N, C-alpha and C. Protein backbone atom coordinates (compact mmCIF):
# COMPACT_ATOMS: atom_id res chain seq x y z
N MET A 1 22.70 -18.61 -76.85
CA MET A 1 23.77 -18.78 -77.80
C MET A 1 23.53 -20.09 -78.56
N ALA A 2 23.61 -20.03 -79.86
CA ALA A 2 23.37 -21.21 -80.68
C ALA A 2 24.69 -21.89 -81.02
N PHE A 3 24.67 -23.20 -80.98
CA PHE A 3 25.84 -23.97 -81.33
C PHE A 3 25.54 -24.77 -82.60
N ALA A 4 26.54 -24.91 -83.43
CA ALA A 4 26.38 -25.68 -84.65
C ALA A 4 26.44 -27.16 -84.31
N SER A 5 25.54 -27.90 -84.86
CA SER A 5 25.55 -29.34 -84.63
C SER A 5 26.16 -30.02 -85.86
N ALA A 6 26.39 -31.29 -85.74
CA ALA A 6 26.94 -32.06 -86.85
C ALA A 6 25.98 -32.04 -88.04
N MET A 7 24.70 -31.87 -87.77
CA MET A 7 23.72 -31.83 -88.86
C MET A 7 23.84 -30.53 -89.67
N ASP A 8 24.31 -29.45 -89.02
CA ASP A 8 24.46 -28.17 -89.71
C ASP A 8 25.65 -28.19 -90.67
N PHE A 9 26.68 -28.90 -90.32
CA PHE A 9 27.90 -28.95 -91.13
C PHE A 9 28.29 -30.41 -91.38
N PRO A 10 27.63 -31.03 -92.34
CA PRO A 10 27.98 -32.43 -92.61
C PRO A 10 29.41 -32.51 -93.16
N PHE A 11 30.17 -33.41 -92.62
CA PHE A 11 31.56 -33.56 -93.02
C PHE A 11 31.78 -35.00 -93.44
N ASP A 12 31.68 -35.23 -94.72
CA ASP A 12 31.92 -36.58 -95.22
C ASP A 12 33.14 -36.55 -96.13
N SER A 13 33.46 -37.66 -96.73
CA SER A 13 34.67 -37.75 -97.54
C SER A 13 34.60 -36.84 -98.77
N ASN A 14 33.40 -36.63 -99.32
CA ASN A 14 33.28 -35.73 -100.47
C ASN A 14 33.58 -34.29 -100.08
N ASN A 15 33.06 -33.86 -98.94
CA ASN A 15 33.35 -32.50 -98.47
C ASN A 15 34.83 -32.34 -98.18
N ALA A 16 35.43 -33.33 -97.56
CA ALA A 16 36.86 -33.27 -97.24
C ALA A 16 37.67 -33.19 -98.53
N ARG A 17 37.29 -33.98 -99.51
CA ARG A 17 38.00 -33.98 -100.80
C ARG A 17 37.88 -32.61 -101.48
N ARG A 18 36.67 -32.04 -101.45
CA ARG A 18 36.45 -30.72 -102.06
C ARG A 18 37.26 -29.65 -101.34
N MET A 19 37.26 -29.71 -100.02
CA MET A 19 38.03 -28.74 -99.25
C MET A 19 39.52 -28.85 -99.55
N LYS A 20 40.00 -30.07 -99.65
CA LYS A 20 41.41 -30.30 -99.96
C LYS A 20 41.75 -29.78 -101.36
N THR A 21 40.87 -30.01 -102.31
CA THR A 21 41.08 -29.54 -103.68
C THR A 21 41.08 -28.02 -103.73
N ARG A 22 40.13 -27.39 -103.04
CA ARG A 22 40.06 -25.93 -103.03
C ARG A 22 41.28 -25.33 -102.33
N PHE A 23 41.74 -25.96 -101.26
CA PHE A 23 42.92 -25.47 -100.55
C PHE A 23 44.14 -25.55 -101.45
N ARG A 24 44.31 -26.68 -102.12
CA ARG A 24 45.46 -26.82 -103.02
C ARG A 24 45.42 -25.80 -104.15
N ALA A 25 44.24 -25.56 -104.70
CA ALA A 25 44.09 -24.56 -105.76
C ALA A 25 44.43 -23.17 -105.24
N ALA A 26 44.00 -22.86 -104.03
CA ALA A 26 44.30 -21.54 -103.44
C ALA A 26 45.80 -21.37 -103.23
N VAL A 27 46.46 -22.41 -102.76
CA VAL A 27 47.91 -22.34 -102.55
C VAL A 27 48.61 -22.20 -103.89
N ARG A 28 48.17 -22.95 -104.88
CA ARG A 28 48.77 -22.87 -106.22
C ARG A 28 48.61 -21.47 -106.80
N ASN A 29 47.42 -20.88 -106.65
CA ASN A 29 47.17 -19.53 -107.15
C ASN A 29 48.02 -18.51 -106.41
N TRP A 30 48.15 -18.67 -105.10
CA TRP A 30 48.97 -17.76 -104.31
C TRP A 30 50.42 -17.81 -104.77
N LYS A 31 50.94 -19.03 -104.99
CA LYS A 31 52.32 -19.18 -105.45
C LYS A 31 52.52 -18.55 -106.83
N THR A 32 51.54 -18.71 -107.69
CA THR A 32 51.62 -18.12 -109.03
C THR A 32 51.66 -16.60 -108.94
N ARG A 33 50.78 -16.03 -108.13
CA ARG A 33 50.77 -14.57 -107.97
C ARG A 33 52.08 -14.07 -107.37
N ARG A 34 52.58 -14.78 -106.38
CA ARG A 34 53.84 -14.37 -105.74
C ARG A 34 55.00 -14.43 -106.72
N ARG A 35 55.06 -15.51 -107.51
CA ARG A 35 56.13 -15.67 -108.50
C ARG A 35 56.03 -14.61 -109.59
N THR A 36 54.80 -14.32 -110.03
CA THR A 36 54.59 -13.30 -111.05
C THR A 36 55.02 -11.93 -110.54
N ALA A 37 54.66 -11.61 -109.32
CA ALA A 37 55.06 -10.32 -108.73
C ALA A 37 56.58 -10.22 -108.64
N ALA A 38 57.23 -11.29 -108.23
CA ALA A 38 58.69 -11.28 -108.13
C ALA A 38 59.34 -11.08 -109.49
N GLU A 39 58.80 -11.76 -110.51
CA GLU A 39 59.37 -11.62 -111.85
C GLU A 39 59.15 -10.21 -112.40
N LEU A 40 57.97 -9.65 -112.19
CA LEU A 40 57.71 -8.30 -112.67
C LEU A 40 58.56 -7.28 -111.92
N ASN A 41 58.73 -7.45 -110.62
CA ASN A 41 59.57 -6.53 -109.84
C ASN A 41 61.03 -6.61 -110.25
N ALA A 42 61.46 -7.74 -110.78
CA ALA A 42 62.85 -7.90 -111.21
C ALA A 42 63.12 -7.19 -112.54
N LEU A 43 62.07 -6.86 -113.29
CA LEU A 43 62.25 -6.19 -114.58
C LEU A 43 62.62 -4.72 -114.37
N SER A 44 63.31 -4.17 -115.35
CA SER A 44 63.63 -2.75 -115.30
C SER A 44 62.39 -1.94 -115.68
N ASP A 45 62.43 -0.65 -115.38
CA ASP A 45 61.30 0.21 -115.73
C ASP A 45 61.08 0.22 -117.23
N ARG A 46 62.15 0.14 -117.99
CA ARG A 46 62.04 0.12 -119.45
C ARG A 46 61.35 -1.16 -119.93
N ASP A 47 61.74 -2.29 -119.35
CA ASP A 47 61.09 -3.55 -119.72
C ASP A 47 59.61 -3.54 -119.37
N LEU A 48 59.29 -2.99 -118.20
CA LEU A 48 57.88 -2.89 -117.80
C LEU A 48 57.11 -2.00 -118.76
N ALA A 49 57.73 -0.90 -119.17
CA ALA A 49 57.07 0.01 -120.12
C ALA A 49 56.83 -0.70 -121.45
N ASP A 50 57.75 -1.57 -121.86
CA ASP A 50 57.58 -2.32 -123.11
C ASP A 50 56.34 -3.21 -123.09
N ILE A 51 56.01 -3.73 -121.91
CA ILE A 51 54.82 -4.59 -121.84
C ILE A 51 53.59 -3.82 -121.34
N GLY A 52 53.75 -2.51 -121.16
CA GLY A 52 52.62 -1.67 -120.83
C GLY A 52 52.22 -1.64 -119.37
N ILE A 53 53.19 -1.86 -118.49
CA ILE A 53 52.91 -1.85 -117.06
C ILE A 53 53.86 -0.87 -116.38
N ALA A 54 53.33 -0.01 -115.54
CA ALA A 54 54.17 0.85 -114.71
C ALA A 54 54.45 0.10 -113.40
N ARG A 55 55.56 0.43 -112.77
CA ARG A 55 55.96 -0.28 -111.56
C ARG A 55 54.86 -0.23 -110.48
N PHE A 56 54.19 0.90 -110.35
CA PHE A 56 53.15 1.01 -109.32
C PHE A 56 51.93 0.15 -109.64
N GLU A 57 51.81 -0.36 -110.85
CA GLU A 57 50.66 -1.18 -111.24
C GLU A 57 50.87 -2.68 -111.01
N ILE A 58 52.07 -3.06 -110.63
CA ILE A 58 52.39 -4.49 -110.49
C ILE A 58 51.42 -5.18 -109.53
N ALA A 59 51.18 -4.60 -108.38
CA ALA A 59 50.29 -5.23 -107.39
C ALA A 59 48.88 -5.43 -107.95
N SER A 60 48.36 -4.45 -108.67
CA SER A 60 47.01 -4.60 -109.22
C SER A 60 46.98 -5.60 -110.36
N VAL A 61 48.04 -5.66 -111.15
CA VAL A 61 48.11 -6.65 -112.23
C VAL A 61 48.14 -8.06 -111.63
N VAL A 62 48.91 -8.26 -110.59
CA VAL A 62 49.01 -9.57 -109.96
C VAL A 62 47.68 -9.96 -109.31
N ARG A 63 46.98 -9.01 -108.70
CA ARG A 63 45.69 -9.31 -108.08
C ARG A 63 44.67 -9.79 -109.09
N GLU A 64 44.79 -9.34 -110.34
CA GLU A 64 43.83 -9.72 -111.37
C GLU A 64 44.02 -11.14 -111.89
N LEU A 65 45.12 -11.78 -111.52
CA LEU A 65 45.37 -13.15 -111.99
C LEU A 65 44.38 -14.12 -111.40
């Protein structure tokens, strides 16, 4: 069984900063998708039709963000 050594995964301040930045971006994107889905689900079927989205398409539209 092989174990990863510190040489395999260098962890310095630049890597930590990049990881923190990527994590924050992922959380921000998740919140945006969640908020968008909530707003689209709150619309009536007529309003959704006006913007060219059917209710069953909301999840796929949000995934494309």
